[in-house]
């Protein structure tokens, strides 16, 4: 290979190495079911969080400051799962659950209904 072609190939390889990579997948938060009755369980799952880190889960009621309910440890794959019992005496209404790790934040709504039976 001539020196000119070698220099061109080297520059092309350097340009490819310096090119930005695709953005990482954003963290997710899923609440299941999104409408739960008093006395039932709310399953909280997350994916694409930093691996082996503590994610803070916060409960948010309308007009109130977020309240930390628990910290969950992510797996080496960046996943977590928590089954949260909703007390039979829990207030009913529309709420939010927030997952936080440093500057990463995901918030999802959920509803608690009265359990009449």
Protein backbone atom coordinates (compact mmCIF):
# COMPACT_ATOMS: atom_id res chain seq x y z
CA UNK A 1 0.00 0.00 0.00
CA UNK A 2 1.38 3.43 -0.91
CA UNK A 3 2.06 5.94 1.91
CA UNK A 4 -0.81 8.13 0.67
CA UNK A 5 -3.30 5.25 0.75
CA UNK A 6 -2.00 4.10 4.12
CA UNK A 7 -2.48 7.60 5.57
CA UNK A 8 -6.00 7.76 4.10
CA UNK A 9 -6.91 4.36 5.51
CA UNK A 10 -5.51 5.34 8.92
CA UNK A 11 -7.53 8.58 8.95
CA UNK A 12 -10.69 6.74 7.96
CA UNK A 13 -10.17 4.20 10.76
CA UNK A 14 -9.59 6.98 13.28
CA UNK A 15 -12.73 8.81 12.15
CA UNK A 16 -14.80 5.65 12.61
CA UNK A 17 -13.32 5.02 16.04
CA UNK A 18 -14.18 8.56 17.15
CA UNK A 19 -17.74 8.48 15.81
CA UNK A 20 -20.40 8.66 18.53
CA UNK A 21 -22.12 5.40 19.40
CA UNK A 22 -25.85 4.96 19.51
CA UNK A 23 -27.47 6.34 22.64
CA UNK A 24 -28.05 3.86 25.45
CA UNK A 25 -31.59 2.65 25.95
CA UNK A 26 -33.40 4.85 28.46
CA UNK A 27 -34.38 3.33 31.81
CA UNK A 28 -37.93 2.05 32.13
CA UNK A 29 -40.42 1.75 34.96
CA UNK A 30 -43.51 -0.47 34.78
CA UNK A 31 -46.33 -0.73 37.32
CA UNK A 32 -48.57 -3.77 37.15
CA UNK A 33 -51.44 -3.50 37.43
CA UNK A 34 -51.68 0.25 36.88
CA UNK A 35 -54.98 0.17 38.78
CA UNK A 36 -54.82 -1.78 42.02
CA UNK A 37 -57.30 -2.35 44.85
CA UNK A 38 -56.58 -1.92 48.52
CA UNK A 39 -55.10 -5.15 49.89
CA UNK A 40 -53.61 -6.22 46.55
CA UNK A 41 -50.02 -6.12 45.30
CA UNK A 42 -48.43 -3.59 42.96
CA UNK A 43 -45.50 -5.04 41.01
CA UNK A 44 -42.81 -2.50 40.15
CA UNK A 45 -40.24 -3.44 37.53
CA UNK A 46 -37.43 -1.56 35.87
CA UNK A 47 -35.06 -2.26 33.00
CA UNK A 48 -32.06 -0.51 31.45
CA UNK A 49 -30.87 1.03 34.74
CA UNK A 50 -27.16 1.10 35.64
CA UNK A 51 -25.99 -2.36 36.71
CA UNK A 52 -25.63 -3.28 40.38
CA UNK A 53 -26.81 0.09 41.71
CA UNK A 54 -29.42 1.19 44.26
CA UNK A 55 -32.48 2.80 42.66
CA UNK A 56 -34.73 4.82 44.96
CA UNK A 57 -38.48 4.28 44.63
CA UNK A 58 -40.64 7.23 45.62
CA UNK A 59 -44.40 7.47 46.20
CA UNK A 60 -45.97 10.76 45.11
CA UNK A 61 -49.42 11.90 46.21
CA UNK A 62 -51.02 15.00 44.69
CA UNK A 63 -49.76 18.16 46.37
CA UNK A 64 -47.21 16.28 48.51
CA UNK A 65 -43.44 15.92 48.36
CA UNK A 66 -42.13 12.55 47.09
CA UNK A 67 -41.72 9.99 49.87
CA UNK A 68 -39.08 7.28 49.57
CA UNK A 69 -40.66 3.87 50.03
CA UNK A 70 -37.66 1.66 49.33
CA UNK A 71 -34.31 1.33 47.59
CA UNK A 72 -33.92 -1.60 45.22
CA UNK A 73 -30.68 -3.06 43.93
CA UNK A 74 -30.44 -3.56 40.18
CA UNK A 75 -29.12 -6.79 38.74
CA UNK A 76 -25.95 -6.99 36.66
CA UNK A 77 -28.29 -6.57 33.67
CA UNK A 78 -29.75 -3.31 35.10
CA UNK A 79 -33.13 -4.79 36.08
CA UNK A 80 -35.13 -4.69 39.29
CA UNK A 81 -38.46 -6.00 40.56
CA UNK A 82 -40.37 -5.25 43.73
CA UNK A 83 -43.78 -6.55 44.82
CA UNK A 84 -45.34 -3.84 46.97
CA UNK A 85 -48.36 -4.80 49.09
CA UNK A 86 -51.02 -2.08 49.11
CA UNK A 87 -52.46 -2.00 52.63
CA UNK A 88 -56.22 -2.57 53.02
CA UNK A 89 -56.33 0.85 54.75
CA UNK A 90 -54.30 2.70 52.08
CA UNK A 91 -55.85 5.89 50.74
CA UNK A 92 -57.56 5.63 47.38
CA UNK A 93 -57.00 7.86 44.39
CA UNK A 94 -54.46 8.67 41.70
CA UNK A 95 -50.78 8.57 42.60
CA UNK A 96 -47.35 8.37 40.98
CA UNK A 97 -44.35 6.12 41.49
CA UNK A 98 -40.91 7.48 40.69
CA UNK A 99 -37.64 5.59 40.24
CA UNK A 100 -34.47 7.66 40.72
CA UNK A 101 -30.76 6.97 40.28
CA UNK A 102 -28.57 10.09 40.25
CA UNK A 103 -29.91 12.15 37.30
CA UNK A 104 -31.99 9.31 35.86
CA UNK A 105 -35.67 9.62 36.76
CA UNK A 106 -38.76 7.82 35.46
CA UNK A 107 -42.27 8.48 36.82
CA UNK A 108 -45.44 6.47 36.16
CA UNK A 109 -49.04 6.99 37.35
CA UNK A 110 -51.16 4.41 39.13
CA UNK A 111 -54.55 4.30 40.82
CA UNK A 112 -55.63 2.72 44.10
CA UNK A 113 -59.29 1.74 44.29
CA UNK A 114 -61.37 0.85 47.33
CA UNK A 115 -61.69 -2.88 47.84
CA UNK A 116 -65.38 -3.47 48.45
CA UNK A 117 -65.20 -7.19 48.70
